[in-house]
Each structure stands twice: as C-alpha cells, then as structure tokens.
C-alpha cells in the first residue's frame, strides 16, 4: 500500500509543506499550516532515481519529447502528460530513473 501524503506551499513562508491535507472553513491546510490551494499535490507512490518523492504538479524533461507534468487521471491513475501534446502521456511508475526538474507552481502564489 502506498503512503498517503500531500504537498503544498505555505502561505506564511512560501516553503513546501508535507503531510496530511484538510479543508476547514474554506481554508486549506497541510497538517495545521495554511497553504495555497492551487499548489496542493498528492504523492504518487513513486520515487525518482535518488529517492525523491514524485507529486502531482512535478515536471519531467524528456530530452526528445519535452516537458511532462504529473497529473491524476481517473481512468489511468498518476501519469505524466506532455505539456506540448496533452494527448501523449506515460505512466509515472515506468520512469523511476528520472528526477523532477521543477514544478508547475514555480513563480506562482
């Protein structure tokens, strides 16, 4: 069974928070810290080549195919979808030899 874990940017310090996600009174929290709702991403259960946990919103660079974003698909689960061709995707679990190059949230909030 995979670990259930979330990540989001803290509203106070702008740093990544990891842990339990909840919504209360219209506010979003990781553990007990307020976070930006638009940066919340769930852990996929997969890790990169150096053991880095892979979350929704992470970006991967395939040299020939360009950037791919990690998303959740109701039909297929966690996948990496091409930013240049949304109809092209690959399963996250097949690429454990890669490391994320950033997130779609860089510069946001």
Protein backbone atom coordinates (compact mmCIF):
# COMPACT_ATOMS: atom_id res chain seq x y z
CA UNK A 1 0.00 0.00 0.00
CA UNK A 2 1.34 3.45 -0.88
CA UNK A 3 1.90 6.26 1.56
CA UNK A 4 -0.86 8.93 1.51
CA UNK A 5 0.95 12.27 1.61
CA UNK A 6 0.30 15.76 0.26
CA UNK A 7 2.46 18.76 -0.56
CA UNK A 8 1.59 22.46 -0.87
CA UNK A 9 3.22 25.88 -0.45
CA UNK A 10 2.87 27.53 2.95
CA UNK A 11 1.08 30.91 2.95
CA UNK A 12 3.42 32.38 5.58
CA UNK A 13 6.86 31.41 4.30
CA UNK A 14 6.25 30.16 0.77
CA UNK A 15 8.05 26.89 1.54
CA UNK A 16 6.81 23.43 0.70
CA UNK A 17 4.84 21.69 3.46
CA UNK A 18 4.34 17.91 3.53
CA UNK A 19 1.76 15.89 5.41
CA UNK A 20 -1.96 15.48 5.94
CA UNK A 21 -4.22 17.73 3.81
CA UNK A 22 -7.54 19.12 5.00
CA UNK A 23 -10.00 21.90 4.23
CA UNK A 24 -11.77 23.69 7.08
CA UNK A 25 -13.91 26.80 6.83
CA UNK A 26 -12.84 27.29 3.22
CA UNK A 27 -9.16 27.38 4.21
CA UNK A 28 -6.63 24.77 3.11
CA UNK A 29 -4.10 23.17 5.45
CA UNK A 30 -1.20 20.76 5.40
CA UNK A 31 -1.09 19.46 8.96
CA UNK A 32 -2.04 22.71 10.78
CA UNK A 33 -0.34 25.20 8.43
CA UNK A 34 -2.36 27.30 5.94
CA UNK A 35 -1.35 26.60 2.35
CA UNK A 36 -2.20 27.86 -1.13
CA UNK A 37 -4.98 25.68 -2.54
CA UNK A 38 -3.65 25.92 -6.10
CA UNK A 39 -0.34 24.26 -5.08
CA UNK A 40 -1.76 21.13 -3.40
CA UNK A 41 -0.49 17.88 -4.92
CA UNK A 42 -0.69 14.27 -3.82
CA UNK A 43 2.25 11.86 -3.58
CA UNK A 44 2.07 9.37 -6.46
CA UNK A 45 3.63 6.48 -4.56
CA UNK A 46 6.67 6.58 -6.88
CA UNK A 47 10.13 7.97 -6.32
CA UNK A 48 12.82 9.27 -8.68
CA UNK A 49 16.30 7.81 -9.10
CA UNK A 50 17.64 9.49 -5.93
CA UNK A 51 14.62 8.56 -3.83
CA UNK A 52 12.86 11.90 -4.42
CA UNK A 53 9.11 11.52 -3.89
CA UNK A 54 7.09 12.33 -7.01
CA UNK A 55 3.99 14.52 -6.54
CA UNK A 56 1.21 15.85 -8.74
CA UNK A 57 2.49 19.02 -10.41
CA UNK A 58 6.10 17.84 -10.76
CA UNK A 59 7.75 18.41 -14.13
CA UNK A 60 9.99 15.98 -16.00
CA UNK A 61 12.11 16.75 -19.05
CA UNK A 62 12.32 14.09 -21.73
CA UNK A 63 15.13 15.29 -23.99
CA UNK A 64 13.41 14.46 -27.27
CA UNK A 65 9.79 14.93 -26.21
CA UNK A 66 9.97 17.99 -23.93
CA UNK A 67 8.31 18.70 -20.58
CA UNK A 68 5.78 16.42 -18.94
CA UNK A 69 3.57 17.26 -15.93
CA UNK A 70 2.47 14.70 -13.34
CA UNK A 71 -1.33 14.60 -13.08
CA UNK A 72 -4.01 12.24 -11.77
CA UNK A 73 -6.26 10.61 -14.35
CA UNK A 74 -9.44 8.89 -13.12
CA UNK A 75 -9.01 6.34 -15.88
CA UNK A 76 -5.26 5.60 -15.54
CA UNK A 77 -4.12 6.89 -12.13
CA UNK A 78 -0.96 9.00 -11.89
CA UNK A 79 0.51 9.78 -15.29
CA UNK A 80 2.99 12.18 -16.87
CA UNK A 81 1.25 14.24 -19.59
CA UNK A 82 3.12 16.14 -22.29
CA UNK A 83 2.78 19.92 -21.99
CA UNK A 84 3.13 20.32 -25.77
CA UNK A 85 0.77 17.43 -26.69
CA UNK A 86 -1.82 16.71 -23.94
CA UNK A 87 -2.90 13.53 -25.76
CA UNK A 88 0.52 11.96 -25.15
CA UNK A 89 1.16 10.54 -21.70
CA UNK A 90 3.15 7.82 -19.93
CA UNK A 91 2.67 6.08 -16.56
CA UNK A 92 4.66 7.63 -13.71
CA UNK A 93 5.80 4.26 -12.36
CA UNK A 94 7.72 3.43 -15.58
CA UNK A 95 10.21 6.28 -15.11
CA UNK A 96 11.87 5.75 -11.73
CA UNK A 97 15.26 6.53 -13.29
CA UNK A 98 14.33 10.22 -13.75
CA UNK A 99 14.27 13.16 -11.35
CA UNK A 100 11.79 16.06 -11.38
CA UNK A 101 13.21 19.27 -12.90
CA UNK A 102 10.74 21.53 -11.09
CA UNK A 103 7.02 22.01 -10.57
CA UNK A 104 4.23 23.71 -12.47
CA UNK A 105 3.93 26.05 -9.46
CA UNK A 106 7.30 27.77 -9.88
CA UNK A 107 6.70 31.50 -9.64
CA UNK A 108 3.07 31.07 -8.53
CA UNK A 109 1.32 32.27 -5.36
